[in-house]
C-alpha atoms as a PDB file:
ATOM      1  CA  MET A   1     152.039 -27.938 107.872  1.00  0.00           C
ATOM      2  CA  THR A   2     151.623 -31.420 108.020  1.00  0.00           C
ATOM      3  CA  THR A   3     154.300 -33.952 107.991  1.00  0.00           C
ATOM      4  CA  THR A   4     153.861 -34.688 104.185  1.00  0.00           C
ATOM      5  CA  ALA A   5     153.730 -30.874 103.534  1.00  0.00           C
ATOM      6  CA  ASN A   6     157.476 -30.610 105.375  1.00  0.00           C
ATOM      7  CA  ASN A   7     158.872 -34.162 103.455  1.00  0.00           C
ATOM      8  CA  THR A   8     157.789 -32.712 100.228  1.00  0.00           C
ATOM      9  CA  LEU A   9     159.486 -28.258 101.223  1.00  0.00           C
ATOM     10  CA  ALA A  10     162.200 -30.070 101.825  1.00  0.00           C
ATOM     11  CA  GLU A  11     162.628 -32.845  98.588  1.00  0.00           C
ATOM     12  CA  CYS A  12     161.674 -29.535  95.879  1.00  0.00           C
ATOM     13  CA  PRO A  13     161.113 -26.471  96.853  1.00  0.00           C
ATOM     14  CA  LYS A  14     160.043 -25.152  93.171  1.00  0.00           C
ATOM     15  CA  GLU A  15     157.701 -28.466  93.374  1.00  0.00           C
ATOM     16  CA  TYR A  16     155.483 -27.485  96.392  1.00  0.00           C
ATOM     17  CA  LEU A  17     155.449 -23.850  95.819  1.00  0.00           C
ATOM     18  CA  LEU A  18     154.241 -25.304  92.370  1.00  0.00           C
ATOM     19  CA  LYS A  19     151.393 -27.361  93.844  1.00  0.00           C
ATOM     20  CA  LEU A  20     149.948 -24.868  96.439  1.00  0.00           C
ATOM     21  CA  LEU A  21     149.584 -21.856  93.791  1.00  0.00           C
ATOM     22  CA  THR A  22     148.144 -23.526  91.092  1.00  0.00           C
ATOM     23  CA  GLY A  23     144.493 -24.329  91.356  1.00  0.00           C
ATOM     24  CA  LYS A  24     141.638 -22.307  89.833  1.00  0.00           C
ATOM     25  CA  TRP A  25     141.600 -19.448  92.552  1.00  0.00           C
ATOM     26  CA  LYS A  26     144.568 -19.246  94.868  1.00  0.00           C
ATOM     27  CA  PRO A  27     146.846 -16.765  93.083  1.00  0.00           C
ATOM     28  CA  CYS A  28     144.197 -14.578  92.461  1.00  0.00           C
ATOM     29  CA  ILE A  29     143.130 -14.691  96.228  1.00  0.00           C
ATOM     30  CA  PHE A  30     147.293 -14.743  97.431  1.00  0.00           C
ATOM     31  CA  ARG A  31     147.969 -11.360  94.920  1.00  0.00           C
ATOM     32  CA  TYR A  32     144.440  -9.886  97.064  1.00  0.00           C
ATOM     33  CA  ALA A  33     145.703 -11.547 100.669  1.00  0.00           C
ATOM     34  CA  THR A  34     149.697  -9.463  99.677  1.00  0.00           C
ATOM     35  CA  GLU A  35     147.520  -5.501  99.966  1.00  0.00           C
ATOM     36  CA  GLY A  36     146.820  -6.572 103.749  1.00  0.00           C
ATOM     37  CA  PRO A  37     144.057  -9.103 105.178  1.00  0.00           C
ATOM     38  CA  VAL A  38     140.958  -9.300 103.305  1.00  0.00           C
ATOM     39  CA  ARG A  39     137.268 -10.875 104.106  1.00  0.00           C
ATOM     40  CA  PHE A  40     135.988 -13.368 102.341  1.00  0.00           C
ATOM     41  CA  GLY A  41     132.423 -11.143 100.242  1.00  0.00           C
ATOM     42  CA  GLN A  42     135.214  -8.682  99.509  1.00  0.00           C
ATOM     43  CA  MET A  43     136.932 -11.298  97.032  1.00  0.00           C
ATOM     44  CA  VAL A  44     134.362 -12.510  96.157  1.00  0.00           C
ATOM     45  CA  LYS A  45     133.207  -9.176  94.801  1.00  0.00           C
ATOM     46  CA  LEU A  46     136.695  -8.487  93.685  1.00  0.00           C
ATOM     47  CA  LEU A  47     136.202 -12.583  91.835  1.00  0.00           C
ATOM     48  CA  PRO A  48     132.563 -12.327  90.068  1.00  0.00           C
ATOM     49  CA  GLU A  49     133.310 -15.296  88.173  1.00  0.00           C
ATOM     50  CA  ALA A  50     133.835 -17.531  91.720  1.00  0.00           C
ATOM     51  CA  THR A  51     131.412 -19.721  93.352  1.00  0.00           C
ATOM     52  CA  ARG A  52     131.683 -19.456  96.913  1.00  0.00           C
ATOM     53  CA  GLN A  53     131.924 -23.178  96.929  1.00  0.00           C
ATOM     54  CA  GLY A  54     135.293 -22.745  94.716  1.00  0.00           C
ATOM     55  CA  LEU A  55     136.966 -19.319  96.699  1.00  0.00           C
ATOM     56  CA  THR A  56     136.006 -21.325 100.386  1.00  0.00           C
ATOM     57  CA  ASN A  57     138.051 -24.343  98.854  1.00  0.00           C
ATOM     58  CA  ALA A  58     140.982 -22.121  97.846  1.00  0.00           C
ATOM     59  CA  LEU A  59     140.722 -20.668 101.040  1.00  0.00           C
ATOM     60  CA  ARG A  60     140.551 -24.024 103.118  1.00  0.00           C
ATOM     61  CA  GLU A  61     143.760 -25.241 101.182  1.00  0.00           C
ATOM     62  CA  LEU A  62     146.325 -22.417 101.805  1.00  0.00           C
ATOM     63  CA  GLU A  63     145.154 -22.212 105.844  1.00  0.00           C
ATOM     64  CA  GLU A  64     145.878 -26.458 105.610  1.00  0.00           C
ATOM     65  CA  SER A  65     149.206 -25.168 103.344  1.00  0.00           C
ATOM     66  CA  ASN A  66     150.373 -22.037 105.912  1.00  0.00           C
ATOM     67  CA  ILE A  67     149.974 -20.002 103.853  1.00  0.00           C
ATOM     68  CA  LEU A  68     146.856 -18.222 104.913  1.00  0.00           C
ATOM     69  CA  GLU A  69     145.242 -17.449 108.992  1.00  0.00           C
ATOM     70  CA  ARG A  70     141.551 -17.306 109.069  1.00  0.00           C
ATOM     71  CA  LYS A  71     141.171 -14.876 111.822  1.00  0.00           C
ATOM     72  CA  VAL A  72     137.363 -14.302 113.050  1.00  0.00           C
ATOM     73  CA  ILE A  73     137.032 -10.882 113.800  1.00  0.00           C
ATOM     74  CA  LYS A  74     134.376 -10.556 116.674  1.00  0.00           C
ATOM     75  CA  LEU A  75     132.384  -7.079 116.381  1.00  0.00           C
ATOM     76  CA  LYS A  76     130.127  -6.410 115.258  1.00  0.00           C
ATOM     77  CA  PRO A  77     129.234  -7.752 112.659  1.00  0.00           C
ATOM     78  CA  LEU A  78     130.907 -10.477 112.863  1.00  0.00           C
ATOM     79  CA  HIS A  79     133.379 -11.556 110.312  1.00  0.00           C
ATOM     80  CA  VAL A  80     136.411 -13.240 109.054  1.00  0.00           C
ATOM     81  CA  GLU A  81     139.350 -12.006 107.843  1.00  0.00           C
ATOM     82  CA  TYR A  82     141.909 -13.787 105.326  1.00  0.00           C
ATOM     83  CA  HIS A  83     146.110 -12.892 105.768  1.00  0.00           C
ATOM     84  CA  LEU A  84     149.341 -13.645 104.982  1.00  0.00           C
ATOM     85  CA  THR A  85     151.346 -16.001 107.088  1.00  0.00           C
ATOM     86  CA  GLU A  86     154.880 -15.109 108.337  1.00  0.00           C
ATOM     87  CA  LEU A  87     155.359 -18.472 105.631  1.00  0.00           C
ATOM     88  CA  GLY A  88     152.770 -16.758 103.556  1.00  0.00           C
ATOM     89  CA  LEU A  89     155.055 -13.268 103.376  1.00  0.00           C
ATOM     90  CA  GLU A  90     157.934 -15.125 102.273  1.00  0.00           C
ATOM     91  CA  PHE A  91     156.244 -16.290  99.245  1.00  0.00           C
ATOM     92  CA  ILE A  92     155.239 -13.099  97.597  1.00  0.00           C
ATOM     93  CA  PRO A  93     158.844 -12.198  96.146  1.00  0.00           C
ATOM     94  CA  ILE A  94     159.370 -15.319  94.011  1.00  0.00           C
ATOM     95  CA  PHE A  95     155.028 -14.198  93.704  1.00  0.00           C
ATOM     96  CA  LYS A  96     156.648 -11.360  92.088  1.00  0.00           C
ATOM     97  CA  ALA A  97     158.993 -12.545  90.270  1.00  0.00           C
ATOM     98  CA  VAL A  98     156.799 -15.239  88.375  1.00  0.00           C
ATOM     99  CA  GLU A  99     154.454 -12.408  87.836  1.00  0.00           C
ATOM    100  CA  ALA A 100     156.793  -9.488  86.043  1.00  0.00           C
ATOM    101  CA  LEU A 101     158.257 -12.896  83.984  1.00  0.00           C
ATOM    102  CA  HIS A 102     154.927 -12.670  83.334  1.00  0.00           C
ATOM    103  CA  LEU A 103     155.061  -9.452  81.330  1.00  0.00           C
ATOM    104  CA  LEU A 104     157.839 -10.276  79.025  1.00  0.00           C
ATOM    105  CA  PRO A 105     155.959 -10.029  75.701  1.00  0.00           C
ATOM    106  CA  VAL A 106     154.493  -7.227  76.692  1.00  0.00           C
ATOM    107  CA  ARG A 107     157.375  -5.316  77.413  1.00  0.00           C
ATOM    108  CA  LYS A 108     159.226  -6.634  73.844  1.00  0.00           C
ATOM    109  CA  ASN A 109     156.564  -5.110  72.053  1.00  0.00           C
ATOM    110  CA  GLN A 110     156.790  -1.324  73.602  1.00  0.00           C
ATOM    111  CA  PRO A 111     158.631   0.489  71.952  1.00  0.00           C
ATOM    112  CA  GLN A 112     162.003   1.222  73.601  1.00  0.00           C
ATOM    113  CA  HIS A 113     162.567   5.233  74.866  1.00  0.00           C
ATOM    114  CA  SER A 114     166.148   6.182  74.796  1.00  0.00           C
END
């Protein structure tokens, strides 16, 4: 992580987290990575409306922020996998809490069971 990123994290963790996970594809990529290592080709299929360049940029930014790690698998066929780093794993509970908040209006409209 860069010195600037470390300073931002120390000064305002909430702002740092929002910068890390805002962007058109970053939240989706992060969510898929919480389920285990993902390949670029898998993400292309999971996010058909995303361009390859858009995914590449988002992956690169998450990697530069130390949220994802890029690993080249040298087995045939040669491929690349992305998985969460230790820092990325620490964000999972926060991300799940944000997802839960998104579902609150849906829960309010559902019938109550006694």
